[in-house]
Structures are given as C-alpha cells and as structure tokens.
C-alpha cells in the first residue's frame, strides 16, 4: 500500500486485530477494497510479517 494511504493502513490495522489468519484478513479487506491482497514474507529465519496491498500488488509511493 502506498505509505500515504492512511485510511487503508488504519483499516488494515483495525481488521488485523479481529481475524486469526491471513486468508481471513484478506477476505475482510476485500469487502471494502475488492483487489486487496495479503502476503507473507516467507523468508526462513525471520518473524512472520504480513504485507497488505490495496490494489493487489506493490506500487511505489508517488507522493515522495
């Protein structure tokens, strides 16, 4: 998500507290953002980190 999309970031944080798994988070996000995707970092040896993409993919921050 673009770092400047504060509304999406807030919605992701609030939603993450209400669901127990990645698929559930993606389903909740897609109610408001139909193209949303949630991905895990999948790198061994690192703590699990989820990335939420409003439009289904990473996009550079155009506001920078």
N, C-alpha and C. Protein backbone atom coordinates (compact mmCIF):
# COMPACT_ATOMS: atom_id res chain seq x y z
N UNK A 1 0.85 -1.17 0.00
CA UNK A 1 0.00 0.00 0.00
C UNK A 1 0.89 1.22 0.00
N UNK A 2 0.50 2.22 -0.69
CA UNK A 2 1.29 3.45 -0.60
C UNK A 2 1.32 3.95 0.83
N UNK A 3 2.47 4.38 1.29
CA UNK A 3 2.60 4.84 2.67
C UNK A 3 1.67 6.01 2.96
N UNK A 4 1.28 6.74 1.94
CA UNK A 4 0.42 7.89 2.15
C UNK A 4 -1.06 7.52 2.27
N UNK A 5 -1.42 6.26 2.04
CA UNK A 5 -2.82 5.85 2.12
C UNK A 5 -3.17 5.52 3.57
N UNK A 6 -3.37 6.56 4.35
CA UNK A 6 -3.59 6.40 5.78
C UNK A 6 -4.89 5.69 6.09
N UNK A 7 -5.92 5.89 5.29
CA UNK A 7 -7.21 5.22 5.51
C UNK A 7 -7.07 3.71 5.36
N UNK A 8 -6.39 3.26 4.30
CA UNK A 8 -6.18 1.83 4.10
C UNK A 8 -5.33 1.25 5.24
N UNK A 9 -4.28 1.95 5.61
CA UNK A 9 -3.41 1.48 6.69
C UNK A 9 -4.20 1.33 8.00
N UNK A 10 -5.05 2.29 8.32
CA UNK A 10 -5.86 2.22 9.52
C UNK A 10 -6.81 1.03 9.46
N UNK A 11 -7.46 0.84 8.31
CA UNK A 11 -8.40 -0.26 8.14
C UNK A 11 -7.70 -1.61 8.27
N UNK A 12 -6.50 -1.73 7.72
CA UNK A 12 -5.73 -2.98 7.83
C UNK A 12 -5.40 -3.26 9.29
N UNK A 13 -4.89 -2.26 10.01
CA UNK A 13 -4.54 -2.47 11.43
C UNK A 13 -5.76 -2.87 12.25
N UNK A 14 -6.86 -2.17 12.07
CA UNK A 14 -8.08 -2.49 12.82
C UNK A 14 -8.59 -3.89 12.47
N UNK A 15 -8.55 -4.23 11.20
CA UNK A 15 -9.05 -5.53 10.76
C UNK A 15 -8.16 -6.67 11.23
N UNK A 16 -6.85 -6.44 11.27
CA UNK A 16 -5.91 -7.49 11.68
C UNK A 16 -6.15 -7.92 13.12
N UNK A 17 -6.66 -7.05 13.94
CA UNK A 17 -6.94 -7.40 15.33
C UNK A 17 -8.17 -8.28 15.47
N UNK A 18 -9.00 -8.35 14.43
CA UNK A 18 -10.26 -9.10 14.52
C UNK A 18 -10.20 -10.47 13.84
N UNK A 19 -9.14 -10.78 13.12
CA UNK A 19 -9.07 -12.06 12.41
C UNK A 19 -7.83 -12.84 12.85
N UNK A 20 -7.89 -14.15 12.72
CA UNK A 20 -6.81 -15.00 13.22
C UNK A 20 -5.83 -15.45 12.15
N UNK A 21 -6.17 -15.31 10.88
CA UNK A 21 -5.28 -15.83 9.83
C UNK A 21 -5.26 -14.91 8.62
N UNK A 22 -4.24 -15.10 7.80
CA UNK A 22 -4.03 -14.25 6.63
C UNK A 22 -5.21 -14.27 5.68
N UNK A 23 -5.77 -15.44 5.39
CA UNK A 23 -6.90 -15.53 4.48
C UNK A 23 -8.11 -14.78 5.00
N UNK A 24 -8.30 -14.82 6.30
CA UNK A 24 -9.41 -14.09 6.90
C UNK A 24 -9.22 -12.59 6.78
N UNK A 25 -7.99 -12.13 6.96
CA UNK A 25 -7.71 -10.70 6.82
C UNK A 25 -7.97 -10.25 5.39
N UNK A 26 -7.51 -11.02 4.43
CA UNK A 26 -7.73 -10.65 3.03
C UNK A 26 -9.23 -10.59 2.72
N UNK A 27 -10.00 -11.51 3.23
CA UNK A 27 -11.44 -11.52 3.00
C UNK A 27 -12.09 -10.27 3.58
N UNK A 28 -11.69 -9.88 4.78
CA UNK A 28 -12.24 -8.68 5.40
C UNK A 28 -11.86 -7.44 4.59
N UNK A 29 -10.62 -7.35 4.17
CA UNK A 29 -10.17 -6.18 3.40
C UNK A 29 -10.92 -6.07 2.07
N UNK A 30 -11.19 -7.22 1.45
CA UNK A 30 -11.83 -7.21 0.13
C UNK A 30 -13.29 -6.75 0.15
N UNK A 31 -13.89 -6.70 1.31
CA UNK A 31 -15.24 -6.15 1.40
C UNK A 31 -15.20 -4.68 0.98
N UNK A 32 -14.19 -3.96 1.44
CA UNK A 32 -14.05 -2.54 1.13
C UNK A 32 -13.12 -2.29 -0.05
N UNK A 33 -12.11 -3.13 -0.21
CA UNK A 33 -11.10 -2.99 -1.27
C UNK A 33 -11.04 -4.31 -2.04
N UNK A 34 -11.86 -4.46 -3.08
CA UNK A 34 -12.00 -5.75 -3.78
C UNK A 34 -10.72 -6.34 -4.36
N UNK A 35 -9.73 -5.53 -4.63
CA UNK A 35 -8.48 -6.04 -5.21
C UNK A 35 -7.39 -6.26 -4.17
N UNK A 36 -7.72 -6.09 -2.89
CA UNK A 36 -6.72 -6.21 -1.83
C UNK A 36 -6.11 -7.61 -1.78
N UNK A 37 -4.83 -7.65 -1.42
CA UNK A 37 -4.11 -8.91 -1.24
C UNK A 37 -3.31 -8.83 0.03
N UNK A 38 -3.13 -9.97 0.68
CA UNK A 38 -2.28 -10.05 1.86
C UNK A 38 -1.26 -11.14 1.60
N UNK A 39 -0.01 -10.81 1.76
CA UNK A 39 1.09 -11.74 1.50
C UNK A 39 1.99 -11.83 2.72
N UNK A 40 2.59 -13.00 2.93
CA UNK A 40 3.58 -13.19 4.00
C UNK A 40 4.97 -13.04 3.41
N UNK A 41 5.95 -12.70 4.25
CA UNK A 41 7.32 -12.54 3.76
C UNK A 41 7.96 -13.86 3.35
N UNK A 42 7.57 -14.98 3.94
CA UNK A 42 8.03 -16.32 3.56
C UNK A 42 9.54 -16.52 3.60
N UNK A 43 10.28 -15.68 4.29
CA UNK A 43 11.73 -15.86 4.40
C UNK A 43 12.03 -16.65 5.66
N UNK A 44 12.76 -17.74 5.51
CA UNK A 44 13.05 -18.58 6.68
C UNK A 44 13.94 -17.83 7.65
N UNK A 45 13.74 -18.10 8.92
CA UNK A 45 14.56 -17.49 9.95
C UNK A 45 14.09 -16.12 10.40
N UNK A 46 13.08 -15.59 9.75
CA UNK A 46 12.56 -14.27 10.13
C UNK A 46 11.17 -14.41 10.74
N UNK A 47 10.81 -13.47 11.58
CA UNK A 47 9.46 -13.44 12.11
C UNK A 47 8.47 -13.24 10.97
N UNK A 48 7.31 -13.82 11.12
CA UNK A 48 6.28 -13.68 10.09
C UNK A 48 5.83 -12.22 10.01
N UNK A 49 5.82 -11.71 8.81
CA UNK A 49 5.36 -10.35 8.54
C UNK A 49 4.37 -10.43 7.40
N UNK A 50 3.23 -9.79 7.58
CA UNK A 50 2.25 -9.74 6.51
C UNK A 50 2.29 -8.38 5.83
N UNK A 51 2.12 -8.39 4.52
CA UNK A 51 2.07 -7.18 3.73
C UNK A 51 0.70 -7.09 3.10
N UNK A 52 0.05 -5.95 3.23
CA UNK A 52 -1.27 -5.74 2.64
C UNK A 52 -1.13 -4.80 1.46
N UNK A 53 -1.72 -5.20 0.35
CA UNK A 53 -1.68 -4.41 -0.88
C UNK A 53 -3.10 -4.05 -1.27
N UNK A 54 -3.39 -2.76 -1.30
CA UNK A 54 -4.74 -2.29 -1.61
C UNK A 54 -5.19 -2.69 -3.00
N UNK A 55 -4.30 -2.60 -3.96
CA UNK A 55 -4.66 -2.89 -5.35
C UNK A 55 -4.07 -4.20 -5.86
N UNK A 56 -3.72 -5.10 -4.94
CA UNK A 56 -3.27 -6.42 -5.32
C UNK A 56 -1.79 -6.56 -5.60
N UNK A 57 -1.05 -5.46 -5.57
CA UNK A 57 0.40 -5.53 -5.84
C UNK A 57 1.09 -4.32 -5.23
N UNK A 58 2.41 -4.42 -5.09
CA UNK A 58 3.19 -3.32 -4.58
C UNK A 58 3.26 -2.22 -5.62
N UNK A 59 3.16 -0.99 -5.16
CA UNK A 59 3.32 0.17 -6.03
C UNK A 59 4.18 1.18 -5.30
N UNK A 60 5.09 1.83 -6.04
CA UNK A 60 5.93 2.83 -5.38
C UNK A 60 5.08 4.00 -4.89
N UNK A 61 5.56 4.66 -3.86
CA UNK A 61 4.87 5.82 -3.31
C UNK A 61 5.06 6.99 -4.27
N UNK A 62 4.01 7.45 -4.87
CA UNK A 62 4.09 8.55 -5.84
C UNK A 62 4.12 9.91 -5.17
N UNK A 63 3.86 9.94 -3.86
CA UNK A 63 3.84 11.21 -3.13
C UNK A 63 5.21 11.64 -2.65
N UNK A 64 6.19 10.77 -2.78
CA UNK A 64 7.53 11.07 -2.27
C UNK A 64 8.27 12.03 -3.17
